[in-house]
Protein backbone atom coordinates (compact mmCIF):
# COMPACT_ATOMS: atom_id res chain seq x y z
CA MET A 1 -0.09 0.00 -0.10
CA ASN A 2 1.30 3.48 -0.99
CA GLU A 3 1.85 5.39 2.33
CA GLU A 4 1.75 8.91 0.33
CA PHE A 5 -1.94 8.45 -0.45
CA PRO A 6 -3.18 8.83 3.14
CA LYS A 7 -1.11 11.98 3.45
CA GLN A 8 -2.36 13.58 0.20
CA ALA A 9 -6.03 12.60 1.35
CA ILE A 10 -5.50 14.45 4.42
CA ALA A 11 -3.77 17.47 2.86
CA LYS A 12 -6.45 18.15 0.06
CA SER A 13 -10.33 18.44 0.15
CA ASN A 14 -12.27 15.57 -1.36
CA ILE A 15 -15.69 15.56 -2.98
CA ASP A 16 -16.97 13.43 -0.12
CA ASP A 17 -15.64 15.79 2.63
CA GLN A 18 -18.29 17.42 4.87
CA PHE A 19 -17.63 20.86 6.08
CA GLU A 20 -18.87 22.77 9.14
CA ARG A 21 -19.89 25.84 7.63
CA ILE A 22 -18.45 28.74 5.57
CA TYR A 23 -16.08 30.82 7.59
CA LYS A 24 -15.31 33.68 5.24
CA ILE A 25 -16.43 34.79 1.73
CA LEU A 26 -13.10 35.69 0.30
CA GLY A 27 -14.49 37.23 -2.91
CA LEU A 28 -12.62 37.47 -6.19
CA ASP A 29 -8.90 37.70 -5.36
CA ASP A 30 -5.94 38.58 -7.56
CA GLU A 31 -4.68 35.00 -7.22
CA VAL A 32 -7.91 33.65 -8.17
CA GLU A 33 -9.19 33.45 -11.98
CA ASP A 34 -12.14 35.44 -12.50
CA GLU A 35 -13.86 32.32 -13.97
CA GLU A 36 -13.72 30.56 -10.50
CA GLY A 37 -16.19 33.03 -9.20
CA LEU A 38 -16.30 33.35 -5.17
CA SER A 39 -13.90 31.72 -3.20
CA VAL A 40 -14.92 30.70 0.55
CA GLU A 41 -12.99 29.43 3.49
CA VAL A 42 -14.57 26.19 5.11
CA ARG A 43 -13.33 23.88 7.86
CA ARG A 44 -13.53 19.91 7.39
CA ILE A 45 -15.47 18.25 9.92
CA ASP A 46 -13.16 15.23 10.50
CA ASP A 47 -9.90 17.03 11.34
CA LYS A 48 -10.85 20.79 11.47
CA LYS A 49 -8.53 21.51 8.66
CA LYS A 50 -9.25 24.65 6.65
CA PHE A 51 -9.51 25.00 2.90
CA THR A 52 -10.29 27.48 0.24
CA LEU A 53 -12.83 26.23 -2.13
CA THR A 54 -15.10 27.94 -4.90
CA LEU A 55 -18.73 28.68 -3.71
CA ALA A 56 -20.17 27.20 -7.05
CA ASP A 57 -18.49 23.74 -6.05
CA LEU A 58 -20.29 23.35 -2.68
CA LYS A 59 -23.59 21.45 -1.93
CA THR A 60 -25.35 21.35 1.41
CA VAL A 61 -26.12 17.99 3.25
CA GLU A 62 -29.53 18.87 3.80
CA GLU A 63 -31.78 19.40 0.73
CA ASN A 64 -34.97 21.54 0.31
CA THR A 65 -33.47 24.21 2.64
CA LYS A 66 -32.92 27.84 1.93
CA ASN A 67 -29.20 27.28 2.09
CA ALA A 68 -29.44 24.75 -0.48
CA GLN A 69 -31.38 26.68 -2.81
CA LEU A 70 -29.16 29.67 -2.48
CA LEU A 71 -26.01 27.49 -3.30
CA ASP A 72 -27.83 25.99 -6.20
CA ASP A 73 -28.89 29.47 -7.53
CA TYR A 74 -25.32 30.77 -7.35
CA ALA A 75 -23.93 27.59 -9.07
CA VAL A 76 -26.59 28.03 -11.85
CA TRP A 77 -25.85 31.75 -12.42
CA HIS A 78 -22.10 31.04 -12.11
CA THR A 79 -22.29 28.51 -14.87
CA ASN A 80 -24.79 29.87 -17.26
CA PHE A 81 -24.46 33.83 -16.75
CA ARG A 82 -21.24 34.98 -16.15
């Protein structure tokens, strides 16, 4: 078994990761491409590690909530109308 894989899994976010909440909306940054949209800072539940992700890529755990609708609306707008 490759010992490097667990280290990479811990250091990077994964599509299956769950995060506590959005801690900070970072906005458009000079370091971030305009096409990526808004960046947000989140904290992974398992190990409390912080990550910077794009808002359009986030989904809520609970469906049919106001937060789920807001994230979906932003993702649709970001994909289709930017």
